[in-house]
Amino acid sequence: MSKVLTFIALSGGCVVPVFMDLGSSHLFNELWDEHARTHLVWMIASFFFIFILGSYFLFIEKNEVIPALMSLCVLLGYAISALTINFYGGVFLGEGGIEPEPFGIPINLIHFSSMLFLQLLALILIFKKSTWNYRNFFQ
């Protein structure tokens, strides 16, 4: 179960943004600054490679801890950006973007919060079922 949850969270945090951000609401949004587009391509390319590496560890190496922590890093990064949005003057959806807001909540906030919850649940299950310790982390 923890492997499935980690794969869902890893996919939701690293692959979904590739497809969602390559459209006119993000990368090809004419209202976006060119430098912001460069950062976006960097982010989605990095996330895709994190997904590939995490999937390798999860399914080939049979290691659940490393991909879970990789996914957690991506999802906590989003959580930090959401929690500090007022500090840096960010918004959940920029000009020219159209995304649903169920119950008045931006869909990306719902999505990434759900993925973070699943990943935290997976980590709890991983640590409960194993005798894992820090000495075995890189083995």
Protein backbone atom coordinates (compact mmCIF):
# COMPACT_ATOMS: atom_id res chain seq x y z
CA MET A 1 0.00 0.00 0.00
CA SER A 2 2.81 2.43 0.84
CA LYS A 3 4.43 1.80 -2.56
CA VAL A 4 1.18 2.66 -4.35
CA LEU A 5 0.68 5.81 -2.24
CA THR A 6 4.25 6.93 -2.89
CA PHE A 7 3.85 6.35 -6.63
CA ILE A 8 0.61 8.36 -6.66
CA ALA A 9 2.21 11.22 -4.70
CA LEU A 10 5.37 11.14 -6.82
CA SER A 11 3.28 11.20 -10.00
CA GLY A 12 0.97 13.90 -8.67
CA GLY A 13 3.84 16.09 -7.56
CA CYS A 14 6.20 15.55 -10.48
CA VAL A 15 4.29 14.44 -13.58
CA VAL A 16 0.98 16.28 -13.32
CA PRO A 17 2.76 19.69 -13.34
CA VAL A 18 4.51 18.74 -16.59
CA PHE A 19 1.17 18.37 -18.36
CA MET A 20 -0.65 21.18 -16.56
CA ASP A 21 2.09 23.81 -16.91
CA LEU A 22 2.96 23.29 -20.59
CA GLY A 23 -0.18 25.08 -21.78
CA SER A 24 -1.33 28.63 -22.34
CA SER A 25 -2.07 29.18 -18.64
CA HIS A 26 1.60 28.88 -17.72
CA LEU A 27 4.50 28.35 -20.13
CA PHE A 28 2.86 29.91 -23.18
CA ASN A 29 0.98 32.60 -21.25
CA GLU A 30 1.87 35.83 -23.03
CA LEU A 31 1.50 37.76 -19.79
CA TRP A 32 4.36 35.84 -18.16
CA ASP A 33 7.84 37.29 -17.99
CA GLU A 34 10.48 35.45 -20.05
CA HIS A 35 12.58 34.79 -16.96
CA ALA A 36 9.60 33.23 -15.18
CA ARG A 37 9.16 30.89 -18.16
CA THR A 38 12.82 29.83 -17.87
CA HIS A 39 12.28 28.94 -14.21
CA LEU A 40 9.13 27.02 -15.09
CA VAL A 41 10.90 24.88 -17.70
CA TRP A 42 13.71 24.24 -15.21
CA MET A 43 11.16 23.21 -12.56
CA ILE A 44 9.11 20.86 -14.72
CA ALA A 45 12.19 19.25 -16.28
CA SER A 46 13.70 18.71 -12.81
CA PHE A 47 10.43 17.28 -11.51
CA PHE A 48 10.24 14.87 -14.43
CA PHE A 49 13.77 13.61 -13.76
CA ILE A 50 12.96 13.28 -10.05
CA PHE A 51 9.96 11.16 -11.07
CA ILE A 52 12.12 8.92 -13.30
CA LEU A 53 14.75 8.46 -10.58
CA GLY A 54 12.14 7.92 -7.87
CA SER A 55 10.34 5.32 -10.00
CA TYR A 56 13.64 3.53 -10.57
CA PHE A 57 14.28 3.29 -6.83
CA LEU A 58 10.68 2.31 -6.11
CA PHE A 59 10.24 -0.43 -8.72
CA ILE A 60 13.72 -1.59 -9.75
CA GLU A 61 15.72 -1.17 -6.53
CA LYS A 62 12.66 -1.98 -4.35
CA ASN A 63 13.49 0.94 -2.08
CA GLU A 64 10.46 2.84 -0.83
CA VAL A 65 12.22 5.30 1.47
CA ILE A 66 14.31 7.24 -1.06
CA PRO A 67 11.46 7.92 -3.55
CA ALA A 68 9.12 8.81 -0.68
CA LEU A 69 11.62 11.38 0.59
CA MET A 70 12.19 12.70 -2.95
CA SER A 71 8.45 13.15 -3.38
CA LEU A 72 8.20 14.73 0.05
CA CYS A 73 10.84 17.31 -0.92
CA VAL A 74 8.85 18.36 -4.00
CA LEU A 75 5.55 18.50 -2.10
CA LEU A 76 6.98 20.35 0.88
CA GLY A 77 8.49 22.83 -1.58
CA TYR A 78 4.98 23.55 -2.83
CA ALA A 79 3.67 23.80 0.73
CA ILE A 80 6.35 26.38 1.59
CA SER A 81 5.48 28.40 -1.52
CA ALA A 82 1.79 28.31 -0.56
CA LEU A 83 2.36 29.19 3.09
CA THR A 84 4.62 32.13 2.25
CA ILE A 85 2.63 33.41 -0.75
CA ASN A 86 1.76 36.73 0.94
CA PHE A 87 5.37 37.30 1.94
CA TYR A 88 6.68 37.35 -1.63
CA GLY A 89 3.55 38.72 -3.32
CA GLY A 90 2.65 35.52 -5.15
CA VAL A 91 -0.73 34.31 -6.34
CA PHE A 92 -2.17 30.84 -6.82
CA LEU A 93 -3.22 31.64 -10.38
CA GLY A 94 -1.68 34.38 -12.49
CA GLU A 95 -3.22 36.58 -15.15
CA GLY A 96 -4.50 34.73 -18.16
CA GLY A 97 -4.79 31.43 -16.33
CA ILE A 98 -8.05 29.59 -15.90
CA GLU A 99 -8.31 26.87 -13.30
CA PRO A 100 -11.26 25.64 -11.25
CA GLU A 101 -11.70 26.69 -7.65
CA PRO A 102 -14.00 24.19 -5.93
CA PHE A 103 -15.47 25.73 -2.79
CA GLY A 104 -13.39 28.84 -3.56
CA ILE A 105 -10.12 26.91 -3.06
CA PRO A 106 -7.58 26.92 -5.92
CA ILE A 107 -7.42 23.45 -7.48
CA ASN A 108 -3.62 23.37 -7.30
CA LEU A 109 -3.77 23.95 -3.52
CA ILE A 110 -6.22 21.04 -3.19
CA HIS A 111 -4.15 18.80 -5.47
CA PHE A 112 -0.73 19.34 -3.88
CA SER A 113 -2.13 19.25 -0.33
CA SER A 114 -3.77 15.91 -1.13
CA MET A 115 -0.52 14.57 -2.57
CA LEU A 116 1.37 15.73 0.55
CA PHE A 117 -1.17 13.98 2.76
CA LEU A 118 -0.82 10.73 0.75
CA GLN A 119 2.98 10.92 0.91
CA LEU A 120 3.00 11.51 4.65
CA LEU A 121 0.62 8.58 5.09
CA ALA A 122 2.89 6.40 2.94
CA LEU A 123 5.92 7.37 5.02
CA ILE A 124 4.11 6.45 8.22
CA LEU A 125 3.24 3.05 6.72
CA ILE A 126 6.82 2.55 5.49
CA PHE A 127 8.33 3.24 8.90
CA LYS A 128 5.71 1.20 10.75
CA LYS A 129 6.26 -1.94 8.68
CA SER A 130 10.04 -1.84 8.59
CA THR A 131 13.00 -2.00 10.87
CA TRP A 132 14.53 0.79 8.83
CA ASN A 133 17.19 2.92 10.44
CA TYR A 134 19.45 5.68 9.21
CA ARG A 135 22.45 3.32 8.80
CA ASN A 136 20.59 1.43 6.04
CA PHE A 137 19.40 4.57 4.24
CA PHE A 138 21.84 4.41 1.32
CA GLN A 139 22.01 0.64 0.98
